[in-house]
PDB file of N, CA and C in Angstrom:
ATOM      1  N   MET A   1     -44.999  25.691  18.885  1.00  0.00           N
ATOM      2  CA  MET A   1     -43.744  24.980  18.875  1.00  0.00           C
ATOM      3  C   MET A   1     -43.377  24.627  17.436  1.00  0.00           C
ATOM      4  N   SER A   2     -42.042  24.582  17.181  1.00  0.00           N
ATOM      5  CA  SER A   2     -41.596  24.270  15.822  1.00  0.00           C
ATOM      6  C   SER A   2     -41.619  22.763  15.587  1.00  0.00           C
ATOM      7  N   THR A   3     -41.742  22.412  14.306  1.00  0.00           N
ATOM      8  CA  THR A   3     -41.786  20.987  13.963  1.00  0.00           C
ATOM      9  C   THR A   3     -40.413  20.449  13.585  1.00  0.00           C
ATOM     10  N   THR A   4     -39.430  21.348  13.366  1.00  0.00           N
ATOM     11  CA  THR A   4     -38.066  20.920  13.050  1.00  0.00           C
ATOM     12  C   THR A   4     -37.101  21.452  14.095  1.00  0.00           C
ATOM     13  N   LYS A   5     -35.921  20.846  14.171  1.00  0.00           N
ATOM     14  CA  LYS A   5     -34.895  21.300  15.118  1.00  0.00           C
ATOM     15  C   LYS A   5     -34.385  22.671  14.707  1.00  0.00           C
ATOM     16  N   SER A   6     -33.884  23.380  15.648  1.00  0.00           N
ATOM     17  CA  SER A   6     -33.336  24.703  15.357  1.00  0.00           C
ATOM     18  C   SER A   6     -31.994  24.580  14.639  1.00  0.00           C
ATOM     19  N   ALA A   7     -31.531  25.649  14.015  1.00  0.00           N
ATOM     20  CA  ALA A   7     -30.277  25.653  13.258  1.00  0.00           C
ATOM     21  C   ALA A   7     -29.092  25.417  14.196  1.00  0.00           C
ATOM     22  N   GLY A   8     -28.034  24.848  13.643  1.00  0.00           N
ATOM     23  CA  GLY A   8     -26.826  24.633  14.436  1.00  0.00           C
ATOM     24  C   GLY A   8     -26.618  23.189  14.825  1.00  0.00           C
ATOM     25  N   SER A   9     -27.597  22.386  14.705  1.00  0.00           N
ATOM     26  CA  SER A   9     -27.464  20.974  15.029  1.00  0.00           C
ATOM     27  C   SER A   9     -27.470  20.179  13.729  1.00  0.00           C
ATOM     28  N   THR A  10     -26.364  19.542  13.422  1.00  0.00           N
ATOM     29  CA  THR A  10     -26.266  18.786  12.180  1.00  0.00           C
ATOM     30  C   THR A  10     -25.793  17.375  12.456  1.00  0.00           C
ATOM     31  N   ARG A  11     -26.186  16.475  11.588  1.00  0.00           N
ATOM     32  CA  ARG A  11     -25.748  15.082  11.731  1.00  0.00           C
ATOM     33  C   ARG A  11     -24.695  14.726  10.702  1.00  0.00           C
ATOM     34  N   LEU A  12     -24.168  15.690   9.992  1.00  0.00           N
ATOM     35  CA  LEU A  12     -23.179  15.452   8.952  1.00  0.00           C
ATOM     36  C   LEU A  12     -21.773  15.770   9.469  1.00  0.00           C
ATOM     37  N   GLY A  13     -20.767  15.613   8.595  1.00  0.00           N
ATOM     38  CA  GLY A  13     -19.415  16.055   8.940  1.00  0.00           C
ATOM     39  C   GLY A  13     -18.568  15.062   9.702  1.00  0.00           C
ATOM     40  N   ARG A  14     -18.909  13.772   9.649  1.00  0.00           N
ATOM     41  CA  ARG A  14     -18.108  12.787  10.377  1.00  0.00           C
ATOM     42  C   ARG A  14     -17.418  11.825   9.418  1.00  0.00           C
ATOM     43  N   ASP A  15     -17.063  12.267   8.230  1.00  0.00           N
ATOM     44  CA  ASP A  15     -16.389  11.420   7.262  1.00  0.00           C
ATOM     45  C   ASP A  15     -14.923  11.273   7.657  1.00  0.00           C
ATOM     46  N   SER A  16     -14.344  10.089   7.409  1.00  0.00           N
ATOM     47  CA  SER A  16     -12.950   9.853   7.783  1.00  0.00           C
ATOM     48  C   SER A  16     -12.010  10.511   6.776  1.00  0.00           C
ATOM     49  N   ARG A  17     -10.792  10.779   7.209  1.00  0.00           N
ATOM     50  CA  ARG A  17      -9.794  11.392   6.340  1.00  0.00           C
ATOM     51  C   ARG A  17      -9.257  10.352   5.364  1.00  0.00           C
ATOM     52  N   PRO A  18      -8.840  10.781   4.151  1.00  0.00           N
ATOM     53  CA  PRO A  18      -8.296   9.831   3.179  1.00  0.00           C
ATOM     54  C   PRO A  18      -6.963   9.262   3.638  1.00  0.00           C
ATOM     55  N   LYS A  19      -6.679   8.030   3.234  1.00  0.00           N
ATOM     56  CA  LYS A  19      -5.470   7.339   3.704  1.00  0.00           C
ATOM     57  C   LYS A  19      -4.320   7.401   2.705  1.00  0.00           C
ATOM     58  N   TYR A  20      -4.547   7.891   1.495  1.00  0.00           N
ATOM     59  CA  TYR A  20      -3.500   8.074   0.472  1.00  0.00           C
ATOM     60  C   TYR A  20      -2.722   6.783   0.211  1.00  0.00           C
ATOM     61  N   LEU A  21      -3.453   5.702  -0.049  1.00  0.00           N
ATOM     62  CA  LEU A  21      -2.825   4.415  -0.332  1.00  0.00           C
ATOM     63  C   LEU A  21      -2.444   4.334  -1.803  1.00  0.00           C
ATOM     64  N   GLY A  22      -1.615   3.356  -2.146  1.00  0.00           N
ATOM     65  CA  GLY A  22      -1.282   3.093  -3.532  1.00  0.00           C
ATOM     66  C   GLY A  22       0.207   3.099  -3.800  1.00  0.00           C
ATOM     67  N   VAL A  23       0.556   3.012  -5.073  1.00  0.00           N
ATOM     68  CA  VAL A  23       1.957   2.971  -5.511  1.00  0.00           C
ATOM     69  C   VAL A  23       2.524   4.381  -5.469  1.00  0.00           C
ATOM     70  N   LYS A  24       3.668   4.548  -4.831  1.00  0.00           N
ATOM     71  CA  LYS A  24       4.317   5.858  -4.727  1.00  0.00           C
ATOM     72  C   LYS A  24       5.461   6.002  -5.721  1.00  0.00           C
ATOM     73  N   LEU A  25       6.176   4.909  -6.022  1.00  0.00           N
ATOM     74  CA  LEU A  25       7.234   4.908  -7.034  1.00  0.00           C
ATOM     75  C   LEU A  25       6.925   3.815  -8.055  1.00  0.00           C
ATOM     76  N   PHE A  26       6.976   4.161  -9.329  1.00  0.00           N
ATOM     77  CA  PHE A  26       6.635   3.223 -10.386  1.00  0.00           C
ATOM     78  C   PHE A  26       7.896   2.587 -10.968  1.00  0.00           C
ATOM     79  N   ALA A  27       7.723   1.617 -11.859  1.00  0.00           N
ATOM     80  CA  ALA A  27       8.832   0.866 -12.449  1.00  0.00           C
ATOM     81  C   ALA A  27       9.772   1.802 -13.201  1.00  0.00           C
ATOM     82  N   GLY A  28      11.077   1.611 -12.961  1.00  0.00           N
ATOM     83  CA  GLY A  28      12.089   2.412 -13.627  1.00  0.00           C
ATOM     84  C   GLY A  28      12.482   3.665 -12.869  1.00  0.00           C
ATOM     85  N   GLU A  29      11.760   4.014 -11.824  1.00  0.00           N
ATOM     86  CA  GLU A  29      12.099   5.198 -11.033  1.00  0.00           C
ATOM     87  C   GLU A  29      13.154   4.847  -9.992  1.00  0.00           C
ATOM     88  N   LYS A  30      13.939   5.848  -9.586  1.00  0.00           N
ATOM     89  CA  LYS A  30      15.006   5.648  -8.618  1.00  0.00           C
ATOM     90  C   LYS A  30      14.459   5.712  -7.200  1.00  0.00           C
ATOM     91  N   ALA A  31      14.868   4.754  -6.376  1.00  0.00           N
ATOM     92  CA  ALA A  31      14.444   4.705  -4.980  1.00  0.00           C
ATOM     93  C   ALA A  31      15.654   4.946  -4.084  1.00  0.00           C
ATOM     94  N   LYS A  32      15.448   5.699  -3.020  1.00  0.00           N
ATOM     95  CA  LYS A  32      16.482   5.918  -2.009  1.00  0.00           C
ATOM     96  C   LYS A  32      16.249   4.960  -0.849  1.00  0.00           C
ATOM     97  N   VAL A  33      17.215   4.854   0.049  1.00  0.00           N
ATOM     98  CA  VAL A  33      17.109   3.962   1.208  1.00  0.00           C
ATOM     99  C   VAL A  33      15.989   4.460   2.118  1.00  0.00           C
ATOM    100  N   GLY A  34      15.075   3.573   2.475  1.00  0.00           N
ATOM    101  CA  GLY A  34      13.988   3.911   3.383  1.00  0.00           C
ATOM    102  C   GLY A  34      12.802   4.588   2.729  1.00  0.00           C
ATOM    103  N   GLN A  35      12.848   4.815   1.437  1.00  0.00           N
ATOM    104  CA  GLN A  35      11.759   5.501   0.750  1.00  0.00           C
ATOM    105  C   GLN A  35      10.576   4.555   0.559  1.00  0.00           C
ATOM    106  N   ILE A  36       9.374   5.077   0.790  1.00  0.00           N
ATOM    107  CA  ILE A  36       8.159   4.276   0.662  1.00  0.00           C
ATOM    108  C   ILE A  36       7.875   4.021  -0.810  1.00  0.00           C
ATOM    109  N   LEU A  37       7.654   2.747  -1.146  1.00  0.00           N
ATOM    110  CA  LEU A  37       7.341   2.349  -2.512  1.00  0.00           C
ATOM    111  C   LEU A  37       5.839   2.184  -2.709  1.00  0.00           C
ATOM    112  N   ILE A  38       5.190   1.488  -1.765  1.00  0.00           N
ATOM    113  CA  ILE A  38       3.750   1.229  -1.850  1.00  0.00           C
ATOM    114  C   ILE A  38       3.149   1.312  -0.448  1.00  0.00           C
ATOM    115  N   ARG A  39       2.006   2.005  -0.347  1.00  0.00           N
ATOM    116  CA  ARG A  39       1.212   1.979   0.883  1.00  0.00           C
ATOM    117  C   ARG A  39      -0.032   1.166   0.576  1.00  0.00           C
ATOM    118  N   GLN A  40      -0.300   0.141   1.405  1.00  0.00           N
ATOM    119  CA  GLN A  40      -1.381  -0.796   1.106  1.00  0.00           C
ATOM    120  C   GLN A  40      -2.009  -1.330   2.376  1.00  0.00           C
ATOM    121  N   ARG A  41      -3.184  -1.900   2.242  1.00  0.00           N
ATOM    122  CA  ARG A  41      -3.847  -2.635   3.313  1.00  0.00           C
ATOM    123  C   ARG A  41      -3.886  -4.087   2.878  1.00  0.00           C
ATOM    124  N   GLY A  42      -3.257  -4.961   3.639  1.00  0.00           N
ATOM    125  CA  GLY A  42      -3.107  -6.352   3.217  1.00  0.00           C
ATOM    126  C   GLY A  42      -1.893  -6.473   2.313  1.00  0.00           C
ATOM    127  N   THR A  43      -1.724  -7.611   1.672  1.00  0.00           N
ATOM    128  CA  THR A  43      -0.560  -7.830   0.827  1.00  0.00           C
ATOM    129  C   THR A  43      -0.973  -7.967  -0.626  1.00  0.00           C
ATOM    130  N   LYS A  44      -1.400  -6.859  -1.236  1.00  0.00           N
ATOM    131  CA  LYS A  44      -1.700  -6.852  -2.662  1.00  0.00           C
ATOM    132  C   LYS A  44      -0.406  -7.013  -3.451  1.00  0.00           C
ATOM    133  N   TRP A  45       0.651  -6.366  -2.999  1.00  0.00           N
ATOM    134  CA  TRP A  45       2.000  -6.539  -3.540  1.00  0.00           C
ATOM    135  C   TRP A  45       2.853  -7.146  -2.437  1.00  0.00           C
ATOM    136  N   VAL A  46       3.818  -7.998  -2.810  1.00  0.00           N
ATOM    137  CA  VAL A  46       4.703  -8.618  -1.827  1.00  0.00           C
ATOM    138  C   VAL A  46       6.124  -8.098  -2.040  1.00  0.00           C
ATOM    139  N   PRO A  47       6.930  -8.021  -0.978  1.00  0.00           N
ATOM    140  CA  PRO A  47       8.291  -7.506  -1.127  1.00  0.00           C
ATOM    141  C   PRO A  47       9.208  -8.492  -1.830  1.00  0.00           C
ATOM    142  N   GLY A  48      10.070  -7.971  -2.682  1.00  0.00           N
ATOM    143  CA  GLY A  48      11.064  -8.779  -3.385  1.00  0.00           C
ATOM    144  C   GLY A  48      12.450  -8.438  -2.871  1.00  0.00           C
ATOM    145  N   LYS A  49      13.424  -8.386  -3.779  1.00  0.00           N
ATOM    146  CA  LYS A  49      14.806  -8.121  -3.423  1.00  0.00           C
ATOM    147  C   LYS A  49      14.969  -6.662  -2.993  1.00  0.00           C
ATOM    148  N   ASN A  50      15.650  -6.452  -1.865  1.00  0.00           N
ATOM    149  CA  ASN A  50      15.954  -5.137  -1.293  1.00  0.00           C
ATOM    150  C   ASN A  50      14.705  -4.341  -0.913  1.00  0.00           C
ATOM    151  N   VAL A  51      13.612  -5.035  -0.620  1.00  0.00           N
ATOM    152  CA  VAL A  51      12.370  -4.386  -0.185  1.00  0.00           C
ATOM    153  C   VAL A  51      11.903  -5.072   1.088  1.00  0.00           C
ATOM    154  N   ARG A  52      11.441  -4.286   2.057  1.00  0.00           N
ATOM    155  CA  ARG A  52      10.920  -4.826   3.323  1.00  0.00           C
ATOM    156  C   ARG A  52       9.481  -4.358   3.511  1.00  0.00           C
ATOM    157  N   LYS A  53       8.739  -5.100   4.365  1.00  0.00           N
ATOM    158  CA  LYS A  53       7.347  -4.785   4.659  1.00  0.00           C
ATOM    159  C   LYS A  53       7.235  -4.254   6.083  1.00  0.00           C
ATOM    160  N   GLY A  54       6.572  -3.103   6.250  1.00  0.00           N
ATOM    161  CA  GLY A  54       6.365  -2.515   7.561  1.00  0.00           C
ATOM    162  C   GLY A  54       5.192  -3.167   8.282  1.00  0.00           C
ATOM    163  N   SER A  55       4.923  -2.726   9.512  1.00  0.00           N
ATOM    164  CA  SER A  55       3.856  -3.320  10.318  1.00  0.00           C
ATOM    165  C   SER A  55       2.469  -3.033   9.753  1.00  0.00           C
ATOM    166  N   ASP A  56       2.317  -1.957   8.990  1.00  0.00           N
ATOM    167  CA  ASP A  56       1.025  -1.644   8.361  1.00  0.00           C
ATOM    168  C   ASP A  56       1.016  -2.050   6.891  1.00  0.00           C
ATOM    169  N   ASP A  57       1.858  -3.019   6.521  1.00  0.00           N
ATOM    170  CA  ASP A  57       1.976  -3.584   5.169  1.00  0.00           C
ATOM    171  C   ASP A  57       2.563  -2.616   4.146  1.00  0.00           C
ATOM    172  N   THR A  58       3.164  -1.522   4.602  1.00  0.00           N
ATOM    173  CA  THR A  58       3.823  -0.585   3.693  1.00  0.00           C
ATOM    174  C   THR A  58       5.140  -1.200   3.211  1.00  0.00           C
ATOM    175  N   LEU A  59       5.422  -1.103   1.915  1.00  0.00           N
ATOM    176  CA  LEU A  59       6.662  -1.619   1.349  1.00  0.00           C
ATOM    177  C   LEU A  59       7.634  -0.459   1.157  1.00  0.00           C
ATOM    178  N   TYR A  60       8.881  -0.646   1.623  1.00  0.00           N
ATOM    179  CA  TYR A  60       9.886   0.405   1.527  1.00  0.00           C
ATOM    180  C   TYR A  60      11.226  -0.172   1.080  1.00  0.00           C
ATOM    181  N   ALA A  61      12.072   0.682   0.519  1.00  0.00           N
ATOM    182  CA  ALA A  61      13.343   0.254  -0.065  1.00  0.00           C
ATOM    183  C   ALA A  61      14.416   0.107   1.012  1.00  0.00           C
ATOM    184  N   MET A  62      15.248  -0.934   0.874  1.00  0.00           N
ATOM    185  CA  MET A  62      16.368  -1.152   1.787  1.00  0.00           C
ATOM    186  C   MET A  62      17.690  -0.696   1.178  1.00  0.00           C
ATOM    187  N   LYS A  63      17.760  -0.592  -0.155  1.00  0.00           N
ATOM    188  CA  LYS A  63      18.951  -0.133  -0.851  1.00  0.00           C
ATOM    189  C   LYS A  63      18.550   0.859  -1.923  1.00  0.00           C
ATOM    190  N   GLU A  64      19.524   1.604  -2.402  1.00  0.00           N
ATOM    191  CA  GLU A  64      19.277   2.545  -3.482  1.00  0.00           C
ATOM    192  C   GLU A  64      19.307   1.808  -4.811  1.00  0.00           C
ATOM    193  N   GLY A  65      18.379   2.149  -5.712  1.00  0.00           N
ATOM    194  CA  GLY A  65      18.353   1.494  -7.010  1.00  0.00           C
ATOM    195  C   GLY A  65      17.081   1.793  -7.765  1.00  0.00           C
ATOM    196  N   LEU A  66      16.863   1.022  -8.843  1.00  0.00           N
ATOM    197  CA  LEU A  66      15.685   1.203  -9.683  1.00  0.00           C
ATOM    198  C   LEU A  66      14.577   0.235  -9.269  1.00  0.00           C
ATOM    199  N   VAL A  67      13.350   0.723  -9.295  1.00  0.00           N
ATOM    200  CA  VAL A  67      12.185  -0.069  -8.915  1.00  0.00           C
ATOM    201  C   VAL A  67      11.763  -0.946 -10.095  1.00  0.00           C
ATOM    202  N   SER A  68      11.432  -2.206  -9.812  1.00  0.00           N
ATOM    203  CA  SER A  68      10.934  -3.105 -10.859  1.00  0.00           C
ATOM    204  C   SER A  68       9.793  -3.962 -10.306  1.00  0.00           C
ATOM    205  N   PHE A  69       8.826  -4.254 -11.165  1.00  0.00           N
ATOM    206  CA  PHE A  69       7.678  -5.086 -10.816  1.00  0.00           C
ATOM    207  C   PHE A  69       7.713  -6.357 -11.654  1.00  0.00           C
ATOM    208  N   LYS A  70       7.211  -7.457 -11.092  1.00  0.00           N
ATOM    209  CA  LYS A  70       7.019  -8.679 -11.867  1.00  0.00           C
ATOM    210  C   LYS A  70       5.944  -9.513 -11.193  1.00  0.00           C
ATOM    211  N   GLU A  71       5.363 -10.434 -11.954  1.00  0.00           N
ATOM    212  CA  GLU A  71       4.321 -11.301 -11.432  1.00  0.00           C
ATOM    213  C   GLU A  71       4.828 -12.734 -11.447  1.00  0.00           C
ATOM    214  N   THR A  72       4.748 -13.415 -10.303  1.00  0.00           N
ATOM    215  CA  THR A  72       5.216 -14.797 -10.192  1.00  0.00           C
ATOM    216  C   THR A  72       4.161 -15.641  -9.491  1.00  0.00           C
ATOM    217  N   ARG A  73       4.361 -16.963  -9.560  1.00  0.00           N
ATOM    218  CA  ARG A  73       3.497 -17.888  -8.830  1.00  0.00           C
ATOM    219  C   ARG A  73       4.058 -18.098  -7.441  1.00  0.00           C
ATOM    220  N   LYS A  74       3.170 -18.147  -6.453  1.00  0.00           N
ATOM    221  CA  LYS A  74       3.596 -18.401  -5.081  1.00  0.00           C
ATOM    222  C   LYS A  74       2.855 -19.630  -4.580  1.00  0.00           C
ATOM    223  N   LEU A  75       3.599 -20.553  -3.977  1.00  0.00           N
ATOM    224  CA  LEU A  75       3.025 -21.773  -3.439  1.00  0.00           C
ATOM    225  C   LEU A  75       2.663 -21.535  -1.972  1.00  0.00           C
ATOM    226  N   ALA A  76       1.406 -21.760  -1.623  1.00  0.00           N
ATOM    227  CA  ALA A  76       0.940 -21.575  -0.253  1.00  0.00           C
ATOM    228  C   ALA A  76       1.231 -22.836   0.568  1.00  0.00           C
ATOM    229  N   PHE A  77       0.962 -22.769   1.860  1.00  0.00           N
ATOM    230  CA  PHE A  77       1.234 -23.892   2.751  1.00  0.00           C
ATOM    231  C   PHE A  77       0.319 -25.082   2.479  1.00  0.00           C
ATOM    232  N   ASN A  78      -0.866 -24.828   1.938  1.00  0.00           N
ATOM    233  CA  ASN A  78      -1.799 -25.918   1.653  1.00  0.00           C
ATOM    234  C   ASN A  78      -1.671 -26.414   0.218  1.00  0.00           C
ATOM    235  N   ASN A  79      -0.529 -26.161  -0.410  1.00  0.00           N
ATOM    236  CA  ASN A  79      -0.177 -26.637  -1.754  1.00  0.00           C
ATOM    237  C   ASN A  79      -1.002 -25.994  -2.865  1.00  0.00           C
ATOM    238  N   THR A  80      -1.622 -24.863  -2.613  1.00  0.00           N
ATOM    239  CA  THR A  80      -2.313 -24.135  -3.675  1.00  0.00           C
ATOM    240  C   THR A  80      -1.393 -23.048  -4.202  1.00  0.00           C
ATOM    241  N   GLN A  81      -1.577 -22.713  -5.466  1.00  0.00           N
ATOM    242  CA  GLN A  81      -0.748 -21.682  -6.083  1.00  0.00           C
ATOM    243  C   GLN A  81      -1.583 -20.445  -6.366  1.00  0.00           C
ATOM    244  N   ARG A  82      -0.938 -19.281  -6.297  1.00  0.00           N
ATOM    245  CA  ARG A  82      -1.598 -18.049  -6.687  1.00  0.00           C
ATOM    246  C   ARG A  82      -0.562 -17.123  -7.307  1.00  0.00           C
ATOM    247  N   PHE A  83      -1.008 -16.227  -8.162  1.00  0.00           N
ATOM    248  CA  PHE A  83      -0.128 -15.237  -8.757  1.00  0.00           C
ATOM    249  C   PHE A  83       0.012 -14.069  -7.798  1.00  0.00           C
ATOM    250  N   VAL A  84       1.253 -13.640  -7.564  1.00  0.00           N
ATOM    251  CA  VAL A  84       1.514 -12.484  -6.719  1.00  0.00           C
ATOM    252  C   VAL A  84       2.314 -11.455  -7.495  1.00  0.00           C
ATOM    253  N   LYS A  85       2.084 -10.176  -7.154  1.00  0.00           N
ATOM    254  CA  LYS A  85       2.834  -9.091  -7.765  1.00  0.00           C
ATOM    255  C   LYS A  85       3.994  -8.748  -6.825  1.00  0.00           C
ATOM    256  N   VAL A  86       5.210  -8.859  -7.331  1.00  0.00           N
ATOM    257  CA  VAL A  86       6.421  -8.664  -6.524  1.00  0.00           C
ATOM    258  C   VAL A  86       7.071  -7.355  -6.941  1.00  0.00           C
ATOM    259  N   ILE A  87       7.483  -6.557  -5.954  1.00  0.00           N
ATOM    260  CA  ILE A  87       8.213  -5.327  -6.221  1.00  0.00           C
ATOM    261  C   ILE A  87       9.628  -5.474  -5.676  1.00  0.00           C
ATOM    262  N   SER A  88      10.616  -5.108  -6.489  1.00  0.00           N
ATOM    263  CA  SER A  88      12.023  -5.215  -6.107  1.00  0.00           C
ATOM    264  C   SER A  88      12.746  -3.909  -6.410  1.00  0.00           C
ATOM    265  N   VAL A  89      13.876  -3.706  -5.719  1.00  0.00           N
ATOM    266  CA  VAL A  89      14.762  -2.581  -6.005  1.00  0.00           C
ATOM    267  C   VAL A  89      16.094  -3.179  -6.427  1.00  0.00           C
ATOM    268  N   LEU A  90      16.488  -2.933  -7.662  1.00  0.00           N
ATOM    269  CA  LEU A  90      17.721  -3.514  -8.211  1.00  0.00           C
ATOM    270  C   LEU A  90      18.729  -2.441  -8.524  1.00  0.00           C
TER     271      LEU A  90
END
């Protein structure tokens, strides 16, 4: 009898497919209506003017214009502050 399994049986090959997250349009680029700006998990970036957040936290443009980023302070409900990165379409 053999001491190892026969060929054809493998325990590899179950890696998940990539999710292609990240920034899709950078600052100064033109955005069309409904175009995806950022794909993310959680709220690393928050929507600003003319930007909406989808159910999977994807940010997309509501109007045509130029993409801009800025960092501001956001006040939480428990009176703590944190810096957030805001994306807007102007």
